[in-house]
Amino acid sequence: PPLSVRLEPGGSLRVESGGTPPWWSYWVPTVGPIISGVLAFLGAWLGLSIAQRNTLRTIEAAQRTTEASVWQKANETELKDLLGKLDGFYG
């Protein structure tokens, strides 16, 4: 047998007002955007401060590496001079 659906009209819908809205509903349109703006600002500030700290650490590591390279080159030059003097003395 075919399936049949029968729709009958119900009564009309009635929306009743519950009185005055709660006190906080007046503040939501103002306070909501302010809170979101403050959270966005804090998120951006936190991200930038972490990026700055990471950049400073990278620069410090590069400076230490450069210093070590300069000292190694100075030691190699000093060793070359000493070997030259020893070769001149014993040669």
N, C-alpha and C. Protein backbone atom coordinates (compact mmCIF):
# COMPACT_ATOMS: atom_id res chain seq x y z
N PRO A 1 0.84 -1.20 0.00
CA PRO A 1 0.00 0.00 0.00
C PRO A 1 0.88 1.25 0.00
N PRO A 2 0.51 2.28 -0.73
CA PRO A 2 1.29 3.53 -0.75
C PRO A 2 1.21 4.25 0.59
N LEU A 3 2.31 4.92 0.89
CA LEU A 3 2.40 5.67 2.14
C LEU A 3 1.76 7.04 1.94
N SER A 4 0.86 7.40 2.76
CA SER A 4 0.24 8.71 2.62
C SER A 4 0.39 9.47 3.92
N VAL A 5 0.64 10.76 3.75
CA VAL A 5 0.80 11.65 4.91
C VAL A 5 -0.29 12.70 4.83
N ARG A 6 -0.92 12.91 5.93
CA ARG A 6 -2.00 13.89 5.96
C ARG A 6 -1.61 15.02 6.92
N LEU A 7 -1.65 16.23 6.42
CA LEU A 7 -1.34 17.41 7.23
C LEU A 7 -2.62 18.16 7.54
N GLU A 8 -2.79 18.41 8.80
CA GLU A 8 -3.95 19.18 9.21
C GLU A 8 -3.48 20.48 9.83
N PRO A 9 -4.13 21.55 9.54
CA PRO A 9 -3.71 22.83 10.13
C PRO A 9 -3.93 22.83 11.64
N GLY A 10 -2.92 23.35 12.32
CA GLY A 10 -3.05 23.46 13.77
C GLY A 10 -3.56 24.84 14.11
N GLY A 11 -3.53 25.16 15.35
CA GLY A 11 -3.95 26.48 15.77
C GLY A 11 -2.89 27.51 15.41
N SER A 12 -3.22 28.75 15.50
CA SER A 12 -2.26 29.81 15.18
C SER A 12 -1.24 29.91 16.31
N LEU A 13 -0.01 30.28 15.94
CA LEU A 13 1.05 30.42 16.93
C LEU A 13 0.93 31.76 17.62
N ARG A 14 1.20 31.74 18.89
CA ARG A 14 1.12 32.97 19.67
C ARG A 14 2.40 33.12 20.47
N VAL A 15 3.07 34.25 20.32
CA VAL A 15 4.30 34.52 21.06
C VAL A 15 3.97 35.49 22.16
N GLU A 16 4.29 35.09 23.38
CA GLU A 16 3.99 35.95 24.51
C GLU A 16 5.28 36.58 25.01
N SER A 17 5.21 37.82 25.32
CA SER A 17 6.37 38.53 25.86
C SER A 17 6.49 38.18 27.33
N GLY A 18 7.74 37.93 27.75
CA GLY A 18 7.97 37.57 29.14
C GLY A 18 8.16 38.78 30.03
N GLY A 19 7.88 39.94 29.55
CA GLY A 19 8.09 41.15 30.35
C GLY A 19 9.33 41.87 29.86
N THR A 20 10.02 42.52 30.77
CA THR A 20 11.23 43.25 30.37
C THR A 20 12.40 42.28 30.23
N PRO A 21 13.29 42.56 29.28
CA PRO A 21 14.46 41.69 29.13
C PRO A 21 15.40 41.86 30.33
N PRO A 22 16.27 40.88 30.56
CA PRO A 22 17.19 41.00 31.69
C PRO A 22 18.15 42.19 31.53
N TRP A 23 18.69 42.66 32.65
CA TRP A 23 19.52 43.87 32.65
C TRP A 23 20.78 43.70 31.79
N TRP A 24 21.33 42.50 31.74
CA TRP A 24 22.58 42.31 31.02
C TRP A 24 22.40 42.34 29.50
N SER A 25 21.19 42.16 29.03
CA SER A 25 20.96 42.15 27.57
C SER A 25 21.20 43.54 26.97
N TYR A 26 21.12 44.60 27.77
CA TYR A 26 21.40 45.94 27.27
C TYR A 26 22.90 46.17 27.08
N TRP A 27 23.73 45.46 27.85
CA TRP A 27 25.18 45.66 27.79
C TRP A 27 25.86 44.79 26.73
N VAL A 28 25.21 43.73 26.30
CA VAL A 28 25.84 42.80 25.36
C VAL A 28 26.30 43.47 24.07
N PRO A 29 25.52 44.34 23.41
CA PRO A 29 26.00 44.95 22.17
C PRO A 29 27.21 45.86 22.37
N THR A 30 27.42 46.37 23.56
CA THR A 30 28.55 47.25 23.82
C THR A 30 29.74 46.50 24.37
N VAL A 31 29.52 45.65 25.35
CA VAL A 31 30.60 44.97 26.04
C VAL A 31 31.21 43.85 25.17
N GLY A 32 30.41 43.18 24.36
CA GLY A 32 30.90 42.09 23.52
C GLY A 32 32.03 42.52 22.60
N PRO A 33 31.84 43.58 21.79
CA PRO A 33 32.93 44.04 20.93
C PRO A 33 34.15 44.54 21.70
N ILE A 34 33.93 45.14 22.85
CA ILE A 34 35.07 45.62 23.64
C ILE A 34 35.90 44.43 24.13
N ILE A 35 35.23 43.41 24.64
CA ILE A 35 35.96 42.22 25.11
C ILE A 35 36.69 41.56 23.95
N SER A 36 36.03 41.44 22.77
CA SER A 36 36.72 40.83 21.63
C SER A 36 37.91 41.66 21.21
N GLY A 37 37.79 42.98 21.22
CA GLY A 37 38.92 43.83 20.85
C GLY A 37 40.09 43.68 21.81
N VAL A 38 39.79 43.62 23.10
CA VAL A 38 40.85 43.46 24.10
C VAL A 38 41.53 42.10 23.93
N LEU A 39 40.74 41.05 23.70
CA LEU A 39 41.33 39.72 23.50
C LEU A 39 42.18 39.67 22.23
N ALA A 40 41.72 40.32 21.17
CA ALA A 40 42.50 40.37 19.93
C ALA A 40 43.82 41.11 20.15
N PHE A 41 43.74 42.24 20.88
CA PHE A 41 44.95 43.00 21.17
C PHE A 41 45.93 42.18 22.00
N LEU A 42 45.44 41.49 23.02
CA LEU A 42 46.31 40.67 23.86
C LEU A 42 46.93 39.52 23.06
N GLY A 43 46.16 38.92 22.17
CA GLY A 43 46.69 37.86 21.33
C GLY A 43 47.79 38.36 20.41
N ALA A 44 47.58 39.51 19.79
CA ALA A 44 48.59 40.10 18.91
C ALA A 44 49.83 40.47 19.71
N TRP A 45 49.64 41.06 20.89
CA TRP A 45 50.78 41.46 21.72
C TRP A 45 51.58 40.24 22.15
N LEU A 46 50.89 39.18 22.54
CA LEU A 46 51.58 37.97 22.97
C LEU A 46 52.36 37.36 21.80
N GLY A 47 51.75 37.29 20.65
CA GLY A 47 52.43 36.75 19.47
C GLY A 47 53.67 37.55 19.11
N LEU A 48 53.56 38.87 19.15
CA LEU A 48 54.70 39.72 18.82
C LEU A 48 55.81 39.61 19.86
N SER A 49 55.45 39.51 21.13
CA SER A 49 56.49 39.40 22.16
C SER A 49 57.22 38.06 22.05
N ILE A 50 56.51 37.00 21.72
CA ILE A 50 57.17 35.70 21.53
C ILE A 50 58.08 35.76 20.32
N ALA A 51 57.62 36.39 19.24
CA ALA A 51 58.45 36.52 18.03
C ALA A 51 59.70 37.34 18.32
N GLN A 52 59.57 38.41 19.10
CA GLN A 52 60.72 39.24 19.44
C GLN A 52 61.73 38.45 20.27
N ARG A 53 61.24 37.68 21.24
CA ARG A 53 62.13 36.89 22.08
C ARG A 53 62.87 35.85 21.24
N ASN A 54 62.15 35.20 20.32
CA ASN A 54 62.80 34.22 19.45
C ASN A 54 63.84 34.87 18.54
N THR A 55 63.55 36.05 18.04
CA THR A 55 64.50 36.77 17.19
C THR A 55 65.75 37.13 17.98
N LEU A 56 65.58 37.61 19.20
CA LEU A 56 66.74 37.97 20.02
C LEU A 56 67.60 36.74 20.33
N ARG A 57 66.96 35.61 20.59
CA ARG A 57 67.72 34.38 20.85
C ARG A 57 68.50 33.96 19.61
N THR A 58 67.89 34.10 18.45
CA THR A 58 68.56 33.74 17.20
C THR A 58 69.76 34.66 16.96
N ILE A 59 69.58 35.94 17.21
CA ILE A 59 70.68 36.90 17.03
C ILE A 59 71.81 36.59 18.01
N GLU A 60 71.48 36.31 19.25
CA GLU A 60 72.52 35.98 20.24
C GLU A 60 73.28 34.72 19.85
N ALA A 61 72.57 33.72 19.35
CA ALA A 61 73.25 32.49 18.92
C ALA A 61 74.17 32.78 17.74
N ALA A 62 73.73 33.61 16.82
CA ALA A 62 74.56 33.96 15.67
C ALA A 62 75.80 34.74 16.12
N GLN A 63 75.64 35.62 17.09
CA GLN A 63 76.78 36.38 17.61
C GLN A 63 77.79 35.45 18.28
N ARG A 64 77.30 34.48 19.06
CA ARG A 64 78.21 33.54 19.70
C ARG A 64 78.96 32.71 18.67
N THR A 65 78.26 32.29 17.62
CA THR A 65 78.90 31.52 16.57
C THR A 65 79.96 32.34 15.86
N THR A 66 79.65 33.60 15.58
CA THR A 66 80.61 34.48 14.91
C THR A 66 81.82 34.72 15.79
N GLU A 67 81.58 34.95 17.08
CA GLU A 67 82.70 35.14 18.02
C GLU A 67 83.59 33.91 18.07
N ALA A 68 82.98 32.74 18.13
CA ALA A 68 83.76 31.50 18.16
C ALA A 68 84.57 31.35 16.90
N SER A 69 83.99 31.72 15.77
CA SER A 69 84.71 31.64 14.49
C SER A 69 85.89 32.59 14.46
N VAL A 70 85.70 33.80 14.97
CA VAL A 70 86.79 34.79 15.00
C VAL A 70 87.92 34.28 15.91
N TRP A 71 87.57 33.73 17.09
CA TRP A 71 88.60 33.22 17.99
C TRP A 71 89.32 32.02 17.37
N GLN A 72 88.59 31.18 16.67
CA GLN A 72 89.23 30.03 16.03
C GLN A 72 90.21 30.50 14.96
N LYS A 73 89.82 31.49 14.19
CA LYS A 73 90.71 32.03 13.15
C LYS A 73 91.94 32.66 13.80
N ALA A 74 91.75 33.38 14.91
CA ALA A 74 92.89 33.98 15.61
C ALA A 74 93.82 32.90 16.13
N ASN A 75 93.26 31.82 16.68
CA ASN A 75 94.10 30.72 17.18
C ASN A 75 94.85 30.05 16.04
N GLU A 76 94.18 29.86 14.90
CA GLU A 76 94.86 29.26 13.75
C GLU A 76 96.00 30.14 13.27
N THR A 77 95.80 31.45 13.24
CA THR A 77 96.85 32.38 12.81
C THR A 77 98.02 32.35 13.78
N GLU A 78 97.72 32.33 15.09
CA GLU A 78 98.78 32.28 16.10
C GLU A 78 99.54 30.96 15.99
N LEU A 79 98.84 29.86 15.78
CA LEU A 79 99.49 28.57 15.62
C LEU A 79 100.38 28.56 14.39
N LYS A 80 99.92 29.16 13.32
CA LYS A 80 100.72 29.23 12.09
C LYS A 80 102.00 30.03 12.33
N ASP A 81 101.90 31.14 13.05
CA ASP A 81 103.08 31.95 13.36
C ASP A 81 104.07 31.17 14.22
N LEU A 82 103.54 30.47 15.25
CA LEU A 82 104.42 29.69 16.12
C LEU A 82 105.09 28.55 15.35
N LEU A 83 104.36 27.89 14.49
CA LEU A 83 104.97 26.82 13.68
C LEU A 83 106.02 27.38 12.74
N GLY A 84 105.79 28.57 12.21
CA GLY A 84 106.79 29.23 11.35
C GLY A 84 108.06 29.55 12.11
N LYS A 85 107.91 30.05 13.34
CA LYS A 85 109.07 30.36 14.18
C LYS A 85 109.83 29.09 14.53
N LEU A 86 109.09 28.02 14.88
CA LEU A 86 109.76 26.76 15.21
C LEU A 86 110.47 26.18 14.01
N ASP A 87 109.84 26.23 12.86
CA ASP A 87 110.49 25.74 11.64
C ASP A 87 111.74 26.56 11.33
N GLY A 88 111.68 27.88 11.57
CA GLY A 88 112.84 28.75 11.34
C GLY A 88 113.96 28.48 12.33
N PHE A 89 113.57 28.14 13.55
CA PHE A 89 114.59 27.90 14.58
C PHE A 89 115.27 26.55 14.36
N TYR A 90 114.47 25.50 14.09
CA TYR A 90 115.05 24.16 13.94
C TYR A 90 115.46 23.87 12.48
N GLY A 91 114.90 24.63 11.54
CA GLY A 91 115.19 24.35 10.13
C GLY A 91 116.49 24.93 9.74
